[in-house]
Amino acid sequence: MRQGAWEKLFGHFCEDANGQDVAIDGSVVRALGRSKGGFSGKIHALCDALGMPIKFILTGGQKAECQQAIPLLENVKASAVLADKAYDTDELRTWLTGRGIKAVISLILDQL
């Protein structure tokens, strides 16, 4: 497969998601074997309102999910972003607000 083929394919999905609600999440994958981050990898995914993948990033298993949110959301014109408390950061909320995107993110309870 040629370099950039995945980006081109998923670029079409990004266009289809414009204006919709989207969701982001990450999941550890232990089947990937040893990586720079240890013995696991992590898939960080952005999905449309129907749960269909739009974009994804692969990292070492110890990478924080919140650090991949903005790269996943770049070039996507969503109306709202749904995420769990792993994405509850001031940086992400400010970034979303600056783009007119509603943040539907679970709060970290000890920060209330």
Protein backbone atom coordinates (compact mmCIF):
# COMPACT_ATOMS: atom_id res chain seq x y z
CA MET A 1 0.00 0.00 0.00
CA ARG A 2 1.37 3.42 -0.94
CA GLN A 3 2.39 5.94 1.70
CA GLY A 4 -0.49 8.25 2.54
CA ALA A 5 -3.17 5.83 1.31
CA TRP A 6 -4.78 5.48 4.75
CA GLU A 7 -4.80 9.24 5.24
CA LYS A 8 -6.47 9.70 1.87
CA LEU A 9 -9.09 7.04 2.61
CA PHE A 10 -9.94 8.37 6.06
CA GLY A 11 -9.88 11.94 4.74
CA HIS A 12 -13.13 11.14 2.93
CA PHE A 13 -14.66 9.97 6.21
CA CYS A 14 -13.64 13.28 7.85
CA GLU A 15 -15.55 15.18 5.18
CA ASP A 16 -18.64 13.05 5.80
CA ALA A 17 -18.52 13.76 9.55
CA ASN A 18 -18.50 17.55 9.20
CA GLY A 19 -21.25 19.13 11.29
CA GLN A 20 -22.04 15.94 13.21
CA ASP A 21 -21.40 14.85 16.77
CA VAL A 22 -18.26 12.75 17.08
CA ALA A 23 -16.76 10.57 19.83
CA ILE A 24 -13.14 9.93 20.78
CA ASP A 25 -11.64 7.13 22.85
CA GLY A 26 -8.52 5.05 23.24
CA SER A 27 -7.99 1.36 23.89
CA VAL A 28 -4.93 -0.66 24.87
CA VAL A 29 -4.03 -3.46 22.46
CA ARG A 30 -1.71 -6.06 23.96
CA ALA A 31 -1.55 -8.15 20.79
CA LEU A 32 0.82 -5.69 19.11
CA GLY A 33 3.83 -6.95 21.08
CA ARG A 34 6.70 -4.83 22.35
CA SER A 35 6.62 -1.15 21.42
CA LYS A 36 8.47 2.01 22.45
CA GLY A 37 5.86 2.47 25.16
CA GLY A 38 6.28 -1.01 26.64
CA PHE A 39 4.58 -4.31 25.96
CA SER A 40 1.42 -2.86 24.48
CA GLY A 41 0.10 -0.38 21.99
CA LYS A 42 -2.89 1.92 22.04
CA ILE A 43 -5.42 2.80 19.37
CA HIS A 44 -6.87 6.30 19.68
CA ALA A 45 -9.98 6.61 17.51
CA LEU A 46 -12.41 9.27 16.37
CA CYS A 47 -15.85 7.96 15.35
CA ASP A 48 -18.94 9.55 13.87
CA ALA A 49 -22.37 9.56 15.54
CA LEU A 50 -23.03 6.03 14.25
CA GLY A 51 -19.76 4.65 15.64
CA MET A 52 -18.04 4.45 12.27
CA PRO A 53 -14.30 5.25 12.37
CA ILE A 54 -13.16 8.58 10.95
CA LYS A 55 -9.52 8.76 12.06
CA PHE A 56 -7.17 6.79 14.27
CA ILE A 57 -3.68 7.10 15.73
CA LEU A 58 -1.48 4.25 16.97
CA THR A 59 0.85 4.93 19.92
CA GLY A 60 2.71 3.12 22.67
CA GLY A 61 0.43 1.80 25.39
CA GLN A 62 1.53 4.34 27.99
CA LYS A 63 0.58 7.43 25.94
CA ALA A 64 -2.15 9.56 27.51
CA GLU A 65 -5.40 9.59 25.56
CA CYS A 66 -5.90 13.33 26.06
CA GLN A 67 -2.66 14.07 24.18
CA GLN A 68 -4.08 12.52 21.01
CA ALA A 69 -7.44 14.33 21.05
CA ILE A 70 -6.44 17.50 19.19
CA PRO A 71 -4.53 15.63 16.44
CA LEU A 72 -7.61 13.42 15.95
CA LEU A 73 -9.98 16.39 15.82
CA GLU A 74 -7.92 18.60 13.49
CA ASN A 75 -9.68 19.22 10.16
CA VAL A 76 -12.99 17.82 11.47
CA LYS A 77 -15.85 20.30 11.74
CA ALA A 78 -17.93 18.64 14.46
CA SER A 79 -20.84 20.18 16.37
CA ALA A 80 -20.02 18.27 19.59
CA VAL A 81 -17.32 15.93 20.89
CA LEU A 82 -18.25 13.11 23.27
CA ALA A 83 -15.47 11.67 25.43
CA ASP A 84 -14.78 10.01 28.77
CA LYS A 85 -12.88 11.55 31.69
CA ALA A 86 -9.50 10.65 30.16
CA TYR A 87 -10.08 13.69 27.93
CA ASP A 88 -11.07 16.10 30.72
CA THR A 89 -8.34 18.72 30.29
CA ASP A 90 -8.51 22.50 30.23
CA GLU A 91 -6.40 22.52 27.06
CA LEU A 92 -8.88 20.36 25.12
CA ARG A 93 -11.95 22.19 26.42
CA THR A 94 -10.40 25.56 25.47
CA TRP A 95 -9.42 24.24 22.02
CA LEU A 96 -12.98 22.97 21.40
CA THR A 97 -14.64 26.17 22.66
CA GLY A 98 -12.40 28.26 20.40
CA ARG A 99 -13.76 26.34 17.42
CA GLY A 100 -17.41 26.50 18.47
CA ILE A 101 -17.53 22.78 19.31
CA LYS A 102 -19.55 21.63 22.32
CA ALA A 103 -17.52 19.49 24.76
CA VAL A 104 -19.53 16.57 26.19
CA ILE A 105 -16.74 15.20 28.37
CA SER A 106 -17.11 13.35 31.67
CA LEU A 107 -15.58 15.28 34.55
CA ILE A 108 -12.79 13.95 36.73
CA LEU A 109 -14.57 13.85 40.10
CA ASP A 110 -11.69 15.12 42.25
CA GLN A 111 -11.53 18.28 40.12
CA LEU A 112 -15.10 19.43 40.82
